[in-house]
Amino acid sequence: MLWREGVTHALEGGLWLHRFRLRGEPWAHLVSSDRGALLKAGRTLGLRDEWLQYRPLKHPHSGERQEAWHWDLRGARLERALRLAGPRSPPASR
């Protein structure tokens, strides 16, 4: 999923697992504008509610900032999130 598509999906209430590397270590943000869905997902991953981080995101199409939250994931929690997310789908052909 491209960054723009991921942000759009998250701001429409979906859950987006944004993977990246920090100092060579794999990390991910689990992002959404649906705080309730993120809290539910976090409980599945063994995360504490108070670890959820608020961060408004700029919508790629409108440029307006919208409310959004994310979890920081690494290590065993990232591996569990990846297993729950299932395989990546190939990019859609245009």
Protein backbone atom coordinates (compact mmCIF):
# COMPACT_ATOMS: atom_id res chain seq x y z
CA MET A 1 0.00 0.00 0.00
CA LEU A 2 1.38 3.38 -0.94
CA TRP A 3 1.75 6.01 1.78
CA ARG A 4 -1.02 8.20 0.32
CA GLU A 5 -3.41 5.25 0.13
CA GLY A 6 -2.52 4.18 3.67
CA VAL A 7 -3.13 7.63 5.16
CA THR A 8 -6.42 7.93 3.25
CA HIS A 9 -7.51 4.49 4.50
CA ALA A 10 -6.61 5.40 8.10
CA LEU A 11 -8.41 8.75 7.92
CA GLU A 12 -11.51 7.00 6.62
CA GLY A 13 -11.54 4.88 9.79
CA GLY A 14 -9.55 1.86 8.63
CA LEU A 15 -6.52 0.39 10.37
CA TRP A 16 -3.23 1.03 8.56
CA LEU A 17 -0.01 -0.73 9.51
CA HIS A 18 2.70 1.71 8.39
CA ARG A 19 6.02 -0.12 8.46
CA PHE A 20 9.41 1.61 8.70
CA ARG A 21 12.92 1.14 10.09
CA LEU A 22 14.44 3.15 12.93
CA ARG A 23 18.18 2.77 13.55
CA GLY A 24 18.05 -0.44 11.50
CA GLU A 25 15.25 -1.98 13.58
CA PRO A 26 11.83 -2.80 12.07
CA TRP A 27 8.98 -0.73 13.52
CA ALA A 28 5.42 0.10 12.53
CA HIS A 29 2.71 2.55 13.42
CA LEU A 30 -0.80 1.12 13.60
CA VAL A 31 -2.80 4.19 12.56
CA SER A 32 -6.48 5.17 12.35
CA SER A 33 -8.92 8.00 12.87
CA ASP A 34 -11.16 5.47 14.65
CA ARG A 35 -9.82 5.58 18.20
CA GLY A 36 -12.16 2.81 19.36
CA ALA A 37 -10.94 0.42 16.67
CA LEU A 38 -7.32 1.17 17.61
CA LEU A 39 -8.01 0.55 21.31
CA LYS A 40 -9.61 -2.80 20.44
CA ALA A 41 -6.64 -3.75 18.24
CA GLY A 42 -4.23 -2.65 20.95
CA ARG A 43 -5.87 -4.91 23.51
CA THR A 44 -5.45 -7.81 21.08
CA LEU A 45 -1.75 -6.95 20.86
CA GLY A 46 -1.33 -6.60 24.64
CA LEU A 47 -0.92 -2.81 24.60
CA ARG A 48 -2.01 -0.51 27.41
CA ASP A 49 -4.63 2.11 26.49
CA GLU A 50 -2.50 4.98 27.81
CA TRP A 51 0.22 4.17 25.25
CA LEU A 52 -2.07 5.23 22.37
CA GLN A 53 -0.69 8.42 20.82
CA TYR A 54 -2.72 11.27 19.34
CA ARG A 55 -1.37 12.75 16.13
CA PRO A 56 -3.51 14.64 13.61
CA LEU A 57 -2.68 13.80 10.01
CA LYS A 58 -2.98 15.91 6.89
CA HIS A 59 -5.45 14.33 4.46
CA PRO A 60 -3.61 13.74 1.16
CA HIS A 61 -6.55 14.95 -0.95
CA SER A 62 -7.90 17.95 0.99
CA GLY A 63 -4.75 19.04 2.83
CA GLU A 64 -6.82 19.47 6.00
CA ARG A 65 -5.62 18.03 9.30
CA GLN A 66 -7.83 15.32 10.79
CA GLU A 67 -7.79 13.62 14.17
CA ALA A 68 -5.83 10.36 14.19
CA TRP A 69 -4.11 8.10 16.69
CA HIS A 70 -1.38 5.48 16.47
CA TRP A 71 0.43 2.77 18.35
CA ASP A 72 4.21 2.32 18.07
CA LEU A 73 4.99 -1.34 17.42
CA ARG A 74 8.30 -3.18 17.43
CA GLY A 75 9.68 -6.54 18.45
CA ALA A 76 7.19 -9.23 19.48
CA ARG A 77 4.19 -6.89 19.23
CA LEU A 78 5.10 -5.96 15.66
CA GLU A 79 5.51 -9.64 14.76
CA ARG A 80 2.10 -10.42 16.24
CA ALA A 81 0.50 -7.51 14.36
CA LEU A 82 2.06 -8.73 11.11
CA ARG A 83 0.73 -12.26 11.69
CA LEU A 84 -2.75 -10.91 12.43
CA ALA A 85 -2.65 -8.64 9.36
CA GLY A 86 -1.91 -11.58 7.06
CA PRO A 87 0.06 -11.47 3.82
CA ARG A 88 0.55 -8.25 1.92
CA SER A 89 -1.56 -7.98 -1.20
CA PRO A 90 0.23 -7.12 -4.44
CA PRO A 91 -0.16 -3.56 -5.73
CA ALA A 92 -3.26 -3.00 -7.82
CA SER A 93 -2.54 -2.69 -11.51
CA ARG A 94 -3.57 0.59 -13.04
